Amino acid sequence: MSLNFQIAIAVGFGGAFGSILRFYAVDYVHKMELGNFPFGILLVNIFGSFIIGILYAYFSTHDVSTIIKAFLIAGFLGGLTTFSTFALDSYLLFNSSLNYAILNILSNLIGSIFFVLIGFKLAIFLIKCL
């Protein structure tokens, strides 16, 4: 079995675990009836960002296999929240270029929200046409 295939399998399993944890965490917080603010998603985003910071520090100082890194970062944390990867990328950019860091943050936030709007409008248009 090739290394790329092993990595893909690790990402898949990690993603499954992360997604399941996100489902239960968000559901648990939602049942607390804290209002309409998405506290569950905020919680998993902040938790995922915290964990990716710990893992990045550990991986920077220890020899860890690519498969384990892929399982934990792209898989588990990617399934738990894609926000953690965005947060790490932004942090790394802050260390090298404040301008690129700000561009990354604004592009991701504004671009993502804008394309939610575009996707929604396109879907409504197609539903009306069909």
C-alpha atoms as a PDB file:
ATOM      1  CA  MET A   1       0.000   0.000   0.000  1.00  0.00           C
ATOM      2  CA  SER A   2       1.481   3.361  -1.039  1.00  0.00           C
ATOM      3  CA  LEU A   3       2.220   6.090   1.486  1.00  0.00           C
ATOM      4  CA  ASN A   4      -0.284   8.433  -0.176  1.00  0.00           C
ATOM      5  CA  PHE A   5      -3.029   5.830   0.179  1.00  0.00           C
ATOM      6  CA  GLN A   6      -2.121   5.247   3.839  1.00  0.00           C
ATOM      7  CA  ILE A   7      -2.279   8.994   4.441  1.00  0.00           C
ATOM      8  CA  ALA A   8      -5.661   9.198   2.698  1.00  0.00           C
ATOM      9  CA  ILE A   9      -7.004   6.382   4.894  1.00  0.00           C
ATOM     10  CA  ALA A  10      -5.643   8.118   8.018  1.00  0.00           C
ATOM     11  CA  VAL A  11      -7.288  11.411   7.007  1.00  0.00           C
ATOM     12  CA  GLY A  12     -10.575   9.599   6.393  1.00  0.00           C
ATOM     13  CA  PHE A  13     -10.600   7.875   9.776  1.00  0.00           C
ATOM     14  CA  GLY A  14      -9.498  11.030  11.577  1.00  0.00           C
ATOM     15  CA  GLY A  15     -12.174  13.019   9.761  1.00  0.00           C
ATOM     16  CA  ALA A  16     -14.823  10.531  10.801  1.00  0.00           C
ATOM     17  CA  PHE A  17     -13.840  10.802  14.469  1.00  0.00           C
ATOM     18  CA  GLY A  18     -13.625  14.600  14.321  1.00  0.00           C
ATOM     19  CA  SER A  19     -16.991  14.909  12.594  1.00  0.00           C
ATOM     20  CA  ILE A  20     -18.664  12.635  15.127  1.00  0.00           C
ATOM     21  CA  LEU A  21     -17.171  14.638  18.006  1.00  0.00           C
ATOM     22  CA  ARG A  22     -18.359  17.889  16.413  1.00  0.00           C
ATOM     23  CA  PHE A  23     -21.880  16.489  16.007  1.00  0.00           C
ATOM     24  CA  TYR A  24     -22.107  15.459  19.654  1.00  0.00           C
ATOM     25  CA  ALA A  25     -20.419  18.601  21.012  1.00  0.00           C
ATOM     26  CA  VAL A  26     -22.655  20.947  19.032  1.00  0.00           C
ATOM     27  CA  ASP A  27     -25.734  18.910  19.931  1.00  0.00           C
ATOM     28  CA  TYR A  28     -24.787  18.917  23.624  1.00  0.00           C
ATOM     29  CA  VAL A  29     -24.296  22.688  23.695  1.00  0.00           C
ATOM     30  CA  HIS A  30     -27.469  23.253  21.669  1.00  0.00           C
ATOM     31  CA  LYS A  31     -29.474  21.330  24.280  1.00  0.00           C
ATOM     32  CA  MET A  32     -28.322  23.838  26.900  1.00  0.00           C
ATOM     33  CA  GLU A  33     -30.667  26.368  25.246  1.00  0.00           C
ATOM     34  CA  LEU A  34     -28.299  29.316  25.399  1.00  0.00           C
ATOM     35  CA  GLY A  35     -30.147  31.303  22.749  1.00  0.00           C
ATOM     36  CA  ASN A  36     -29.737  31.578  19.005  1.00  0.00           C
ATOM     37  CA  PHE A  37     -25.995  32.232  18.924  1.00  0.00           C
ATOM     38  CA  PRO A  38     -24.075  29.196  17.568  1.00  0.00           C
ATOM     39  CA  PHE A  39     -22.070  28.572  20.744  1.00  0.00           C
ATOM     40  CA  GLY A  40     -21.480  24.915  19.828  1.00  0.00           C
ATOM     41  CA  ILE A  41     -19.693  25.777  16.588  1.00  0.00           C
ATOM     42  CA  LEU A  42     -17.763  28.537  18.337  1.00  0.00           C
ATOM     43  CA  LEU A  43     -16.700  26.017  20.984  1.00  0.00           C
ATOM     44  CA  VAL A  44     -15.419  23.438  18.492  1.00  0.00           C
ATOM     45  CA  ASN A  45     -13.675  26.144  16.436  1.00  0.00           C
ATOM     46  CA  ILE A  46     -11.851  27.521  19.474  1.00  0.00           C
ATOM     47  CA  PHE A  47     -11.083  24.039  20.810  1.00  0.00           C
ATOM     48  CA  GLY A  48      -9.800  22.908  17.408  1.00  0.00           C
ATOM     49  CA  SER A  49      -7.616  26.004  17.114  1.00  0.00           C
ATOM     50  CA  PHE A  50      -6.216  25.388  20.601  1.00  0.00           C
ATOM     51  CA  ILE A  51      -5.422  21.753  19.780  1.00  0.00           C
ATOM     52  CA  ILE A  52      -3.816  22.572  16.421  1.00  0.00           C
ATOM     53  CA  GLY A  53      -1.555  25.050  18.229  1.00  0.00           C
ATOM     54  CA  ILE A  54      -0.462  22.347  20.657  1.00  0.00           C
ATOM     55  CA  LEU A  55       0.075  19.828  17.860  1.00  0.00           C
ATOM     56  CA  TYR A  56       1.995  22.309  15.720  1.00  0.00           C
ATOM     57  CA  ALA A  57       4.356  23.047  18.623  1.00  0.00           C
ATOM     58  CA  TYR A  58       4.810  19.342  19.327  1.00  0.00           C
ATOM     59  CA  PHE A  59       5.328  18.413  15.669  1.00  0.00           C
ATOM     60  CA  SER A  60       7.863  21.246  15.312  1.00  0.00           C
ATOM     61  CA  THR A  61      10.040  19.762  18.052  1.00  0.00           C
ATOM     62  CA  HIS A  62       9.440  16.017  17.663  1.00  0.00           C
ATOM     63  CA  ASP A  63       9.768  13.533  14.835  1.00  0.00           C
ATOM     64  CA  VAL A  64       6.211  12.368  14.142  1.00  0.00           C
ATOM     65  CA  SER A  65       5.173  10.289  11.159  1.00  0.00           C
ATOM     66  CA  THR A  66       3.358  11.949   8.286  1.00  0.00           C
ATOM     67  CA  ILE A  67       0.482   9.509   8.744  1.00  0.00           C
ATOM     68  CA  ILE A  68      -0.049  10.541  12.383  1.00  0.00           C
ATOM     69  CA  LYS A  69       0.150  14.241  11.467  1.00  0.00           C
ATOM     70  CA  ALA A  70      -2.372  13.736   8.661  1.00  0.00           C
ATOM     71  CA  PHE A  71      -4.704  11.748  10.936  1.00  0.00           C
ATOM     72  CA  LEU A  72      -4.684  14.426  13.639  1.00  0.00           C
ATOM     73  CA  ILE A  73      -4.540  17.687  11.662  1.00  0.00           C
ATOM     74  CA  ALA A  74      -6.162  17.131   8.256  1.00  0.00           C
ATOM     75  CA  GLY A  75      -8.373  14.310   9.508  1.00  0.00           C
ATOM     76  CA  PHE A  76      -9.486  14.743  13.110  1.00  0.00           C
ATOM     77  CA  LEU A  77      -9.238  18.531  13.365  1.00  0.00           C
ATOM     78  CA  GLY A  78     -10.430  18.941   9.784  1.00  0.00           C
ATOM     79  CA  GLY A  79     -13.514  16.908  10.658  1.00  0.00           C
ATOM     80  CA  LEU A  80     -13.973  18.681  13.954  1.00  0.00           C
ATOM     81  CA  THR A  81     -13.470  22.091  12.367  1.00  0.00           C
ATOM     82  CA  THR A  82     -11.811  23.459   9.249  1.00  0.00           C
ATOM     83  CA  PHE A  83     -11.454  26.692  11.179  1.00  0.00           C
ATOM     84  CA  SER A  84      -8.437  25.313  13.048  1.00  0.00           C
ATOM     85  CA  THR A  85      -6.424  25.005   9.831  1.00  0.00           C
ATOM     86  CA  PHE A  86      -7.422  28.535   8.831  1.00  0.00           C
ATOM     87  CA  ALA A  87      -6.316  29.743  12.276  1.00  0.00           C
ATOM     88  CA  LEU A  88      -2.932  28.000  11.972  1.00  0.00           C
ATOM     89  CA  ASP A  89      -2.357  29.397   8.476  1.00  0.00           C
ATOM     90  CA  SER A  90      -3.191  32.888   9.742  1.00  0.00           C
ATOM     91  CA  TYR A  91      -0.856  32.489  12.718  1.00  0.00           C
ATOM     92  CA  LEU A  92       1.996  31.362  10.472  1.00  0.00           C
ATOM     93  CA  LEU A  93       1.369  34.293   8.136  1.00  0.00           C
ATOM     94  CA  PHE A  94       1.472  36.740  11.078  1.00  0.00           C
ATOM     95  CA  ASN A  95       5.007  35.515  11.734  1.00  0.00           C
ATOM     96  CA  SER A  96       6.132  36.265   8.186  1.00  0.00           C
ATOM     97  CA  SER A  97       3.875  38.988   6.792  1.00  0.00           C
ATOM     98  CA  LEU A  98       1.228  41.019   8.579  1.00  0.00           C
ATOM     99  CA  ASN A  99      -0.213  42.093   5.226  1.00  0.00           C
ATOM    100  CA  TYR A 100      -0.652  38.496   4.040  1.00  0.00           C
ATOM    101  CA  ALA A 101      -2.119  37.511   7.400  1.00  0.00           C
ATOM    102  CA  ILE A 102      -4.741  40.249   7.205  1.00  0.00           C
ATOM    103  CA  LEU A 103      -5.415  39.429   3.551  1.00  0.00           C
ATOM    104  CA  ASN A 104      -5.852  35.752   4.447  1.00  0.00           C
ATOM    105  CA  ILE A 105      -8.261  36.504   7.298  1.00  0.00           C
ATOM    106  CA  LEU A 106     -10.368  38.979   5.351  1.00  0.00           C
ATOM    107  CA  SER A 107     -10.372  36.870   2.178  1.00  0.00           C
ATOM    108  CA  ASN A 108     -11.473  33.750   4.025  1.00  0.00           C
ATOM    109  CA  LEU A 109     -14.169  35.420   6.095  1.00  0.00           C
ATOM    110  CA  ILE A 110     -15.599  37.757   3.478  1.00  0.00           C
ATOM    111  CA  GLY A 111     -15.113  35.293   0.620  1.00  0.00           C
ATOM    112  CA  SER A 112     -16.759  32.432   2.474  1.00  0.00           C
ATOM    113  CA  ILE A 113     -19.752  34.494   3.556  1.00  0.00           C
ATOM    114  CA  PHE A 114     -20.080  35.978   0.066  1.00  0.00           C
ATOM    115  CA  PHE A 115     -20.080  32.547  -1.571  1.00  0.00           C
ATOM    116  CA  VAL A 116     -22.657  31.262   0.906  1.00  0.00           C
ATOM    117  CA  LEU A 117     -24.833  34.099  -0.404  1.00  0.00           C
ATOM    118  CA  ILE A 118     -24.010  33.273  -4.048  1.00  0.00           C
ATOM    119  CA  GLY A 119     -24.713  29.564  -3.502  1.00  0.00           C
ATOM    120  CA  PHE A 120     -27.992  30.350  -1.767  1.00  0.00           C
ATOM    121  CA  LYS A 121     -29.119  32.757  -4.515  1.00  0.00           C
ATOM    122  CA  LEU A 122     -28.118  30.285  -7.243  1.00  0.00           C
ATOM    123  CA  ALA A 123     -30.016  27.454  -5.560  1.00  0.00           C
ATOM    124  CA  ILE A 124     -33.142  29.612  -5.150  1.00  0.00           C
ATOM    125  CA  PHE A 125     -32.900  30.646  -8.810  1.00  0.00           C
ATOM    126  CA  LEU A 126     -32.526  27.033  -9.983  1.00  0.00           C
ATOM    127  CA  ILE A 127     -35.397  25.860  -7.771  1.00  0.00           C
ATOM    128  CA  LYS A 128     -37.671  28.508  -9.272  1.00  0.00           C
ATOM    129  CA  CYS A 129     -36.602  27.558 -12.813  1.00  0.00           C
ATOM    130  CA  LEU A 130     -37.217  23.841 -12.335  1.00  0.00           C
END
